[in-house]
Structure formats: structure tokens, C-alpha cells
Amino acid sequence: MTYAPFDPALDETPYGLQKHLGFELTHWDEDYARLELPLAPHLMNRAGIPHGGIYATLLDTVMGFAGCYTGTADHKKLALTLSLTTNFLSRPRGGRLIAEGWRTGGGAKTFFAEGSICDETGESIARGSGAFKVRATTL
């Protein structure tokens, strides 16, 4: 699927966890989001590969963004995770993680999403699914 170019006006100021981990939102559109994370030493586990919590965090975040697109920076929508399933498939071969999320269904207050993580070589690393509740208030 082809998506329109990312509108930089929709990019939000990075929050604390995002700054610490180092991921950035590289695309956001109706029912779709993409995050990228360069691998760094503070993301690794004792075996020298990214900690599984990094994959879960990226999937949780990218799926949440996928269900919260409004198309305008003046009207933000937020989501709370109700459930999250993460399946670990492989280890990265490259130096950058690419997470993609798709809103797959739901309604105005609850939505469902699926996500995947690969690296820049195309290695499929993790997949996930989740249920999310749209927050009652917007920013």
C-alpha cells in the first residue's frame, strides 16, 4: 500500500520515553503509522540484542498512533492500551528497527490494531496486535 507523504505539521514534540529510547514518527496517516528506531547500546539485553520490551513498546506505540490519526495538529486523539500481544520472530540483522501499525477495526471509543517490526534489511523481527480505548478527552 502507498501512503501520502508525512505532513511534518502533525509531528508532535517527543515525550520523555520517546527521547530516551530514540524512536521517531516517520509516517502517520488514516489507520496507519510508522516509527523508526536506530539501535543503540542502551536498548540491548545481556545477550547484546534489543530487549524484548523495546519491541513491545514500539508495537504498543505504533498501533496506538495508527488508531489516533485526526489529520490536524489542532485536534489530537489519544488512546490507552487495553491489551497487547507481542510475538518475537527473529533478531535484527541491520541497525534500524522499523515499526508499522494498522488500525484494523473498532468504533469511536475502542479500536483494534496490528503491527509489525522489521529492520532495514527486511528481516521480520516481531508482530503484535492490541485493543485500545480512545481517551474521553483530547489535548
Protein backbone atom coordinates (compact mmCIF):
# COMPACT_ATOMS: atom_id res chain seq x y z
CA MET A 1 0.00 0.00 0.00
CA THR A 2 1.24 3.50 -0.81
CA TYR A 3 0.74 6.34 1.64
CA ALA A 4 0.85 10.09 1.10
CA PRO A 5 3.99 11.89 2.30
CA PHE A 6 4.11 12.54 6.05
CA ASP A 7 2.87 16.01 6.97
CA PRO A 8 5.54 17.48 9.30
CA ALA A 9 2.88 19.74 10.87
CA LEU A 10 1.43 16.60 12.51
CA ASP A 11 4.70 15.66 14.19
CA GLU A 12 4.47 16.08 17.96
CA THR A 13 7.15 17.16 20.41
CA PRO A 14 8.91 13.98 21.60
CA TYR A 15 7.86 12.89 25.10
CA GLY A 16 10.25 11.56 27.75
CA LEU A 17 10.24 7.85 26.88
CA GLN A 18 10.48 8.63 23.18
CA LYS A 19 13.51 10.86 23.81
CA HIS A 20 15.16 8.21 25.97
CA LEU A 21 14.65 5.34 23.53
CA GLY A 22 15.30 7.45 20.44
CA PHE A 23 12.43 6.49 18.13
CA GLU A 24 10.76 8.92 15.75
CA LEU A 25 7.43 9.04 13.98
CA THR A 26 8.23 8.86 10.28
CA HIS A 27 4.74 8.45 8.84
CA TRP A 28 1.19 8.95 10.10
CA ASP A 29 -1.98 8.67 8.09
CA GLU A 30 -5.54 7.40 8.42
CA ASP A 31 -5.35 3.96 10.12
CA TYR A 32 -1.55 3.75 9.68
CA ALA A 33 1.62 4.83 11.48
CA ARG A 34 5.34 4.13 11.15
CA LEU A 35 8.13 4.58 13.71
CA GLU A 36 11.87 4.13 13.27
CA LEU A 37 14.47 3.46 15.93
CA PRO A 38 18.24 3.35 15.39
CA LEU A 39 19.73 0.61 17.55
CA ALA A 40 21.96 1.81 20.39
CA PRO A 41 23.73 0.18 23.36
CA HIS A 42 21.09 1.29 25.91
CA LEU A 43 18.44 -0.78 24.04
CA MET A 44 20.27 -4.10 24.30
CA ASN A 45 19.79 -7.00 26.69
CA ARG A 46 22.51 -9.17 28.25
CA ALA A 47 22.85 -11.15 25.00
CA GLY A 48 23.63 -7.99 23.03
CA ILE A 49 20.35 -7.88 21.09
CA PRO A 50 17.43 -5.48 21.62
CA HIS A 51 15.47 -6.22 24.77
CA GLY A 52 12.01 -7.68 24.08
CA GLY A 53 10.47 -4.75 25.91
CA ILE A 54 11.76 -2.48 23.14
CA TYR A 55 9.75 -4.45 20.58
CA ALA A 56 6.64 -4.41 22.80
CA THR A 57 6.99 -0.65 23.34
CA LEU A 58 7.37 0.06 19.64
CA LEU A 59 4.37 -2.12 18.76
CA ASP A 60 2.22 -0.57 21.50
CA THR A 61 3.15 2.93 20.38
CA VAL A 62 2.81 2.46 16.63
CA MET A 63 -0.55 0.69 16.93
CA GLY A 64 -1.83 3.43 19.25
CA PHE A 65 -0.79 6.11 16.77
CA ALA A 66 -2.45 4.18 13.92
CA GLY A 67 -5.82 4.50 15.63
CA CYS A 68 -5.45 8.15 16.66
CA TYR A 69 -4.92 9.98 13.39
CA THR A 70 -7.10 13.08 13.01
CA GLY A 71 -5.34 14.86 10.14
CA THR A 72 -4.86 18.09 12.07
CA ALA A 73 -2.42 19.19 14.76
CA ASP A 74 -5.20 21.22 16.42
CA HIS A 75 -7.25 18.14 17.28
CA LYS A 76 -5.27 15.38 18.95
CA LYS A 77 -6.70 12.00 19.89
CA LEU A 78 -5.07 9.75 22.49
CA ALA A 79 -5.50 6.05 23.26
CA LEU A 80 -4.98 3.77 26.23
CA THR A 81 -3.88 0.19 25.66
CA LEU A 82 -6.40 -2.42 26.83
CA SER A 83 -4.50 -5.48 25.62
CA LEU A 84 -1.26 -6.13 23.79
CA THR A 85 0.10 -9.34 22.30
CA THR A 86 3.69 -9.50 21.08
CA ASN A 87 5.26 -12.35 19.11
CA PHE A 88 9.04 -12.42 18.78
CA LEU A 89 10.19 -13.84 15.43
CA SER A 90 13.86 -13.06 14.86
CA ARG A 91 16.72 -10.75 15.73
CA PRO A 92 17.70 -7.71 13.71
CA ARG A 93 20.42 -8.02 11.11
CA GLY A 94 20.63 -4.28 10.47
CA GLY A 95 20.98 -1.24 12.67
CA ARG A 96 17.49 0.30 12.50
CA LEU A 97 14.09 -1.01 13.62
CA ILE A 98 11.05 -0.06 11.55
CA ALA A 99 7.66 -0.48 13.22
CA GLU A 100 4.40 -0.22 11.29
CA GLY A 101 0.89 -0.26 12.71
CA TRP A 102 -2.56 -0.56 11.15
CA ARG A 103 -5.95 0.11 12.70
CA THR A 104 -7.95 -2.98 11.75
CA GLY A 105 -11.37 -2.26 13.21
CA GLY A 106 -13.44 -0.98 16.07
CA GLY A 107 -15.55 2.07 16.61
CA ALA A 108 -15.42 5.56 18.06
CA LYS A 109 -14.35 4.51 21.57
CA THR A 110 -12.42 1.27 21.10
CA PHE A 111 -10.27 0.12 18.22
CA PHE A 112 -8.15 -2.85 17.24
CA ALA A 113 -4.76 -2.76 15.57
CA GLU A 114 -1.97 -4.95 14.26
CA GLY A 115 1.70 -4.13 13.99
CA SER A 116 4.99 -5.45 12.73
CA ILE A 117 8.66 -4.69 13.19
CA CYS A 118 11.40 -5.31 10.66
CA ASP A 119 14.83 -3.86 10.16
CA GLU A 120 16.17 -2.02 7.12
CA THR A 121 17.30 -5.35 5.61
CA GLY A 122 13.69 -6.60 5.61
CA GLU A 123 14.23 -9.09 8.45
CA SER A 124 10.85 -9.69 10.13
CA ILE A 125 11.51 -9.32 13.86
CA ALA A 126 8.20 -9.07 15.75
CA ARG A 127 4.45 -8.86 15.26
CA GLY A 128 1.70 -7.77 17.56
CA SER A 129 -1.95 -7.00 17.99
CA GLY A 130 -3.87 -4.96 20.50
CA ALA A 131 -7.08 -3.39 21.66
CA PHE A 132 -7.12 0.30 22.53
CA LYS A 133 -9.57 2.69 24.18
CA VAL A 134 -9.82 6.22 22.83
CA ARG A 135 -9.45 8.68 25.69
CA ALA A 136 -12.57 10.63 26.57
CA THR A 137 -10.76 13.95 26.28
CA THR A 138 -8.40 15.32 23.66
CA LEU A 139 -5.47 17.67 24.06
